[in-house]
Protein backbone atom coordinates (compact mmCIF):
# COMPACT_ATOMS: atom_id res chain seq x y z
CA MET A 1 124.73 89.76 81.65
CA ALA A 2 121.55 91.81 82.18
CA LYS A 3 120.83 92.92 85.71
CA ASN A 4 117.76 91.70 87.53
CA ARG A 5 114.98 94.19 88.15
CA VAL A 6 113.22 94.42 91.49
CA ALA A 7 110.14 96.63 91.68
CA ILE A 8 109.21 98.50 94.84
CA THR A 9 105.87 100.28 95.12
CA LYS A 10 103.87 101.91 97.89
CA HIS A 11 100.13 102.56 97.90
CA ALA A 12 97.39 102.43 100.53
CA ASP A 13 95.34 100.32 98.12
CA THR A 14 96.93 96.85 97.98
CA SER A 15 95.62 96.14 94.48
CA GLU A 16 97.17 99.34 93.14
CA SER A 17 100.47 98.64 94.86
CA VAL A 18 100.68 95.13 93.38
CA ARG A 19 99.57 96.16 89.92
CA ASN A 20 102.05 99.03 89.80
CA ALA A 21 104.89 96.74 90.87
CA LEU A 22 104.10 94.07 88.29
CA ASP A 23 103.72 96.66 85.53
CA LEU A 24 107.25 97.86 86.28
CA ILE A 25 108.66 94.38 85.60
CA ARG A 26 106.20 93.34 82.90
CA ASN A 27 108.92 92.51 80.36
CA PRO A 28 110.99 90.26 82.69
CA ILE A 29 107.79 88.44 83.63
CA LYS A 30 106.92 87.93 79.96
CA VAL A 31 110.39 86.49 79.35
CA ALA A 32 110.02 84.12 82.31
CA LEU A 33 106.60 82.99 81.06
CA GLN A 34 108.00 82.34 77.58
CA GLU A 35 110.80 80.25 79.05
CA LYS A 36 108.36 78.26 81.17
CA PHE A 37 105.71 77.64 78.54
CA LYS A 38 107.90 77.54 75.41
CA ASN A 39 106.59 80.82 74.00
CA ALA A 40 102.92 79.86 74.38
CA SER A 41 100.65 82.59 75.77
CA ARG A 42 98.78 80.06 77.87
CA GLY A 43 99.55 77.79 80.80
CA GLN A 44 98.85 77.41 84.52
CA VAL A 45 99.94 80.02 87.04
CA LEU A 46 100.16 78.95 90.68
CA ILE A 47 99.84 81.73 93.24
CA LYS A 48 101.34 80.41 96.46
CA PRO A 49 100.37 82.69 99.38
CA ASN A 50 101.66 82.37 102.93
CA LEU A 51 98.68 81.10 104.92
CA LEU A 52 100.61 79.76 107.87
CA SER A 53 97.53 79.57 110.08
CA THR A 54 93.80 79.03 109.64
CA ASP A 55 93.22 81.95 112.03
CA LEU A 56 92.21 85.17 110.26
CA ASN A 57 95.31 87.33 110.59
CA HIS A 58 96.45 89.69 107.83
CA ILE A 59 99.73 90.40 109.61
CA CYS A 60 100.69 86.72 109.52
CA ASN A 61 98.96 85.66 106.30
CA THR A 62 98.96 86.94 102.71
CA THR A 63 95.84 88.93 101.85
CA VAL A 64 93.35 87.89 99.19
CA GLU A 65 93.58 91.39 97.67
CA HIS A 66 97.30 90.86 97.07
CA CYS A 67 96.68 87.55 95.30
CA LYS A 68 93.71 88.80 93.29
CA ALA A 69 95.80 91.64 91.87
CA ILE A 70 98.43 89.10 90.81
CA ALA A 71 95.75 86.97 89.13
CA ASP A 72 94.31 89.98 87.28
CA PHE A 73 97.76 90.82 85.96
CA PHE A 74 98.20 87.37 84.42
CA TYR A 75 94.73 87.36 82.91
CA ASP A 76 95.65 90.60 81.17
CA LEU A 77 98.87 89.07 79.85
CA GLY A 78 97.38 86.02 78.13
CA ASP A 79 95.12 83.00 78.26
CA TYR A 80 96.43 81.77 81.60
CA THR A 81 94.67 79.56 84.14
CA VAL A 82 95.23 80.63 87.75
CA VAL A 83 95.20 78.36 90.78
CA VAL A 84 95.88 79.29 94.40
CA GLY A 85 97.65 76.62 96.42
CA GLU A 86 99.09 76.38 99.92
CA GLY A 87 99.86 73.90 102.68
CA THR A 88 98.69 75.40 105.98
CA THR A 89 100.56 74.41 109.15
CA TYR A 90 98.84 75.84 112.23
CA ALA A 91 95.39 76.35 113.74
CA SER A 92 94.29 77.54 117.18
CA ASP A 93 92.11 74.43 117.44
CA LYS A 94 95.11 72.20 116.61
CA ASN A 95 93.45 71.02 113.40
CA PRO A 96 95.02 72.97 110.52
CA SER A 97 93.16 72.90 107.22
CA THR A 98 94.42 74.61 104.09
CA ILE A 99 90.97 74.91 102.57
CA LEU A 100 89.61 76.41 105.80
CA ALA A 101 92.48 78.93 105.82
CA LEU A 102 91.68 79.87 102.22
CA GLU A 103 87.98 80.23 103.03
CA ARG A 104 88.54 82.37 106.13
CA HIS A 105 90.82 84.71 104.23
CA GLY A 106 88.30 85.30 101.44
CA PHE A 107 89.80 83.20 98.65
CA LYS A 108 86.68 81.08 98.19
CA GLU A 109 84.68 84.21 97.34
CA HIS A 110 86.68 84.49 94.11
CA GLU A 111 86.41 80.94 92.80
CA ASP A 112 85.22 82.37 89.51
CA GLN A 113 88.81 83.66 89.18
CA TRP A 114 90.79 80.65 90.37
CA ALA A 115 90.73 77.09 91.65
CA LEU A 116 91.84 76.41 95.23
CA ILE A 117 94.34 73.63 95.92
CA ASP A 118 95.50 72.05 99.16
CA LEU A 119 99.10 71.33 98.25
CA HIS A 120 99.27 68.79 101.09
CA GLU A 121 97.09 66.58 98.89
CA ASP A 122 99.37 66.90 95.85
CA GLN A 123 101.90 64.39 94.55
CA PRO A 124 105.65 65.13 94.57
CA GLY A 125 107.18 66.37 91.33
CA LYS A 126 110.82 66.73 92.42
CA TRP A 127 112.83 65.47 95.38
CA PHE A 128 115.79 67.00 97.19
CA ASP A 129 118.10 65.74 99.92
CA ILE A 130 117.90 67.27 103.38
CA ILE A 131 120.09 67.07 106.44
CA ASN A 132 118.34 65.65 109.47
CA HIS A 133 120.19 65.00 112.71
CA GLU A 134 118.04 61.97 113.52
CA ALA A 135 118.52 60.43 110.06
CA PRO A 136 121.75 61.84 108.62
CA ARG A 137 121.69 62.03 104.82
CA GLY A 138 118.82 59.58 104.76
CA ILE A 139 115.73 61.65 103.89
CA GLU A 140 114.44 63.40 100.80
CA LEU A 141 111.51 65.80 100.64
CA GLY A 142 109.17 66.13 97.69
CA ILE A 143 108.01 69.43 96.20
CA ALA A 144 104.40 69.49 94.99
CA LYS A 145 103.94 68.58 91.35
CA THR A 146 101.74 71.66 90.91
CA CYS A 147 104.68 73.86 91.94
CA ILE A 148 106.93 72.15 89.41
CA GLU A 149 104.56 72.21 86.44
CA SER A 150 103.08 75.69 86.95
CA PHE A 151 104.52 79.16 86.61
CA THR A 152 104.85 79.59 90.36
CA VAL A 153 104.42 82.92 92.13
CA SER A 154 105.67 83.11 95.71
CA ALA A 155 103.12 85.56 97.14
CA ALA A 156 104.94 85.74 100.45
CA LYS A 157 104.13 87.84 103.48
CA PHE A 158 106.83 90.23 104.75
CA LYS A 159 107.39 89.04 108.30
CA THR A 160 109.84 88.07 110.99
CA HIS A 161 111.06 84.61 111.99
CA ASP A 162 112.29 83.38 115.35
CA VAL A 163 115.64 81.85 114.32
CA LEU A 164 116.28 82.95 110.73
CA GLY A 165 115.22 86.57 111.22
CA VAL A 166 112.82 86.91 108.30
CA THR A 167 110.54 84.77 106.18
CA LEU A 168 110.13 86.10 102.65
CA GLY A 169 109.93 84.75 99.10
CA LEU A 170 112.35 81.85 99.43
CA LYS A 171 111.11 80.46 102.72
CA ASN A 172 107.46 80.81 101.70
CA MET A 173 107.91 77.87 99.33
CA MET A 174 108.15 75.47 102.29
CA GLY A 175 104.36 75.40 101.95
CA GLY A 176 104.85 73.42 98.75
CA LEU A 177 106.47 70.42 100.45
CA VAL A 178 104.23 67.36 100.30
CA SER A 179 106.11 64.15 101.01
CA ALA A 180 109.13 62.62 102.77
CA ARG A 181 110.87 59.40 101.79
CA ASN A 182 113.87 57.28 102.65
CA LYS A 183 116.59 58.17 100.17
CA VAL A 184 117.88 54.60 99.86
CA SER A 185 114.78 52.41 100.05
CA GLN A 186 112.40 55.02 98.54
CA GLU A 187 109.93 54.15 101.31
CA ILE A 188 107.45 56.97 101.90
CA LEU A 189 107.86 58.19 105.48
CA ALA A 190 105.12 60.82 105.53
CA ARG A 191 102.70 62.69 103.28
CA GLY A 192 101.00 66.05 103.62
CA ASP A 193 102.51 68.44 106.12
CA VAL A 194 106.15 67.38 106.16
CA LYS A 195 107.66 70.81 106.89
CA GLY A 196 108.83 69.61 110.30
CA TYR A 197 111.58 67.60 108.61
CA MET A 198 113.17 70.85 107.43
CA HIS A 199 114.06 71.71 111.04
CA GLY A 200 116.47 68.79 111.30
CA PHE A 201 115.02 66.54 113.99
CA SER A 202 112.91 63.91 112.28
CA ARG A 203 109.42 65.41 111.88
CA LYS A 204 109.48 67.51 115.07
CA LYS A 205 108.34 71.10 114.69
CA PRO A 206 110.18 73.91 116.52
CA HIS A 207 107.82 74.12 119.50
CA PHE A 208 108.80 70.54 120.39
CA LEU A 209 112.49 71.44 120.53
CA SER A 210 114.45 73.23 123.26
CA ARG A 211 115.58 76.82 122.82
CA GLU A 212 119.19 75.63 122.68
CA ILE A 213 118.44 73.26 119.79
CA ASN A 214 116.17 75.75 118.01
CA THR A 215 118.82 78.47 117.99
CA GLY A 216 121.64 76.04 117.21
CA ALA A 217 121.50 72.73 115.38
CA SER A 218 117.92 73.14 114.16
CA LYS A 219 118.60 76.66 112.87
CA VAL A 220 121.53 75.39 110.83
CA ALA A 221 119.52 72.47 109.43
CA LEU A 222 116.67 74.78 108.43
CA ALA A 223 119.03 77.19 106.68
CA VAL A 224 120.78 74.37 104.81
CA ASN A 225 117.53 72.71 103.79
CA LEU A 226 116.01 75.97 102.56
CA VAL A 227 119.01 76.57 100.32
CA ARG A 228 118.72 73.01 98.99
CA MET A 229 115.00 73.42 98.39
CA HIS A 230 115.60 76.63 96.45
CA ALA A 231 118.38 74.99 94.41
CA CYS A 232 116.02 72.16 93.50
CA HIS A 233 113.17 74.36 92.28
CA PRO A 234 112.87 78.13 92.86
CA PRO A 235 109.66 80.08 92.21
CA ASP A 236 109.38 81.86 88.87
CA LEU A 237 108.22 85.15 90.37
CA THR A 238 108.14 86.55 93.89
CA VAL A 239 105.65 89.23 94.92
CA ILE A 240 106.01 90.22 98.58
CA ASP A 241 102.89 91.34 100.45
CA GLY A 242 104.01 94.31 102.53
CA SER A 243 100.53 95.75 102.97
CA THR A 244 101.42 95.20 106.60
CA ILE A 245 104.94 94.29 107.67
CA MET A 246 105.34 92.09 110.70
CA GLU A 247 107.79 92.79 113.49
CA GLY A 248 108.36 91.06 116.81
CA ALA A 249 107.41 87.46 117.54
CA GLY A 250 107.06 86.06 114.03
CA PRO A 251 106.21 84.11 112.08
CA ARG A 252 102.79 83.79 113.78
CA ARG A 253 102.47 86.16 116.71
CA GLY A 254 104.15 89.34 115.54
CA THR A 255 102.56 92.78 115.34
CA ALA A 256 102.29 95.27 112.49
CA CYS A 257 105.13 97.74 112.02
CA GLN A 258 103.42 101.13 112.25
CA ALA A 259 106.16 102.98 110.37
CA LEU A 260 106.09 100.91 107.18
CA SER A 261 103.09 99.56 105.24
CA GLY A 262 101.42 99.50 101.83
CA ILE A 263 104.54 98.04 100.22
CA THR A 264 104.95 95.56 97.35
CA ILE A 265 108.37 94.17 96.37
CA ALA A 266 108.47 92.01 93.24
CA GLY A 267 110.91 90.35 90.88
CA THR A 268 111.72 87.21 88.92
CA ASP A 269 114.83 86.63 91.07
CA THR A 270 113.67 85.59 94.53
CA ILE A 271 117.07 86.13 96.13
CA ALA A 272 117.29 89.67 94.75
CA VAL A 273 113.79 90.39 96.09
CA ASP A 274 114.57 88.98 99.54
CA ALA A 275 117.85 90.91 99.63
CA ALA A 276 115.98 94.14 98.84
CA CYS A 277 113.60 93.41 101.72
CA ALA A 278 116.58 93.00 104.05
CA ARG A 279 117.87 96.42 103.01
CA MET A 280 114.43 97.93 103.52
CA ILE A 281 114.45 96.94 107.19
CA GLY A 282 117.96 98.30 107.65
CA MET A 283 119.76 94.98 108.05
CA PRO A 284 122.88 93.66 106.31
CA LEU A 285 122.12 90.49 104.38
CA GLU A 286 124.67 88.59 106.46
CA SER A 287 122.09 88.73 109.27
CA PHE A 288 119.98 86.31 107.21
CA LYS A 289 122.43 83.56 106.42
CA TYR A 290 120.19 81.34 104.31
CA ILE A 291 119.43 84.12 101.82
CA GLN A 292 123.06 85.20 101.70
CA ARG A 293 124.25 81.62 101.15
CA ALA A 294 121.78 81.03 98.32
CA GLY A 295 123.17 84.13 96.63
CA GLU A 296 126.77 83.05 97.16
CA LEU A 297 125.96 79.78 95.39
CA GLY A 298 124.65 81.63 92.35
CA LEU A 299 121.00 80.82 93.01
CA GLY A 300 120.13 84.50 92.65
CA ASP A 301 121.67 87.96 92.95
CA HIS A 302 122.17 88.85 96.60
CA GLU A 303 124.47 91.83 95.97
CA HIS A 304 122.47 95.01 95.49
CA GLU A 305 125.00 96.36 92.98
CA LYS A 306 123.82 93.64 90.57
CA THR A 307 120.15 94.57 90.85
CA ILE A 308 118.25 97.45 89.27
CA LEU A 309 115.61 98.80 91.63
CA VAL A 310 112.62 100.40 89.91
CA GLY A 311 109.70 102.31 91.37
CA GLU A 312 109.95 103.86 94.81
CA SER A 313 113.31 104.75 96.32
CA LEU A 314 114.37 102.00 98.70
CA ASP A 315 116.68 104.36 100.56
CA GLY A 316 113.69 106.52 101.45
CA MET A 317 111.89 103.56 103.00
CA ILE A 318 114.57 102.07 105.23
CA THR A 319 112.97 101.36 108.59
CA ARG A 320 114.42 99.29 111.43
CA ILE A 321 111.95 96.78 112.81
CA LYS A 322 111.82 94.73 115.99
CA PHE A 323 112.77 91.07 115.61
CA HIS A 324 111.69 87.99 117.50
CA PRO A 325 113.35 88.04 120.96
CA GLN A 326 114.95 84.66 120.19
CA PHE A 327 116.66 86.03 117.08
CA LYS A 328 119.05 88.05 119.24
CA LEU A 329 120.62 84.72 120.18
CA ALA A 330 119.99 82.86 116.93
CA ARG A 331 121.64 85.48 114.70
CA LYS A 332 125.00 84.79 116.37
CA TRP A 333 126.38 81.98 114.25
CA THR A 334 129.38 80.12 115.66
CA THR A 335 132.37 79.24 113.52
CA ASP A 336 131.26 75.60 113.47
CA GLU A 337 127.72 76.56 112.42
CA LEU A 338 129.03 78.67 109.56
CA LYS A 339 131.30 75.84 108.44
CA ALA A 340 128.35 73.44 108.51
CA LEU A 341 126.21 75.81 106.43
CA GLU A 342 128.96 76.14 103.84
CA SER A 343 129.85 72.44 103.83
CA PHE A 344 126.32 71.09 103.47
CA THR A 345 125.46 73.54 100.68
CA ARG A 346 128.76 73.48 98.82
CA PHE A 347 127.33 71.72 95.78
CA PRO A 348 123.81 71.97 94.41
CA PRO A 349 121.95 68.95 95.79
CA GLU A 350 120.60 66.26 93.53
CA SER A 351 117.02 66.58 92.43
CA HIS A 352 114.98 63.79 90.95
CA VAL A 353 112.28 64.43 88.41
CA LEU A 354 109.61 61.76 88.58
């Protein structure tokens, strides 16, 4: 079995860094495109950035330069249509708007290159079961139809997370969740921003939960549900924006790591890419249980011996970063928490194609 390739590049110019990384894995990308579009040199490419907040913040949110370089690469490859889609969660004025987030970060200035999509307005294309402590085994979440039908690029930001440690290519795809329904009755429970359900307590988002719950039961639910989401429908390509790398109080309020920047990490295996990022910040993958578990289930290569790294030397970039203060507690998984993670992800969850 051929090993996955993960490209690592470093350049002060984001466009150059991205282009160099994608050029290094051009052939694997071509193969993935052929598999998606049945050997046709045309189709729709979805670039899914991380625009967590409407507030202009290039440490928290993926840059437009990163995404434009990805778009240019696909235009060079064939007759592809590019769309940029996201489902924004936060705003300082308490009124998050995906389109506003895209506008503030410069994406609207390039509408001659792509169409902009609010994934919150999309219809579900696949459903997967989640665990939710307030409705055990009773809820399914829908992944946006655009994510399912397109060649999807997770253009994730390299940043920290309060209870899971990091948010990278896998977790970025939470922005593609668009609907929640009752598994038995099929009744639609919510549309639009349904990411709160991933945290395990109905639709409550983390800031409505206690620290004890956030670092315990909710952490486990989020890890389980992320693995299930990835099993249902992973992205086709992951291109990590490390133009700045967040440390500290992520995923929204962290600061830029001064010792590491200008980085792009890319590959067609999201788990291999995320695992390489973990190594880059000097952490064993077991610190990030959801990524490790996805790899153990065969949803990607999490063991670095099975991945070919091309481009810059990863060993020469290893830099320890500061994590969210809460992660010091959250990274300590109890025996019961580990058993729950294994038990609830033991088999790939059902997915339903509409």
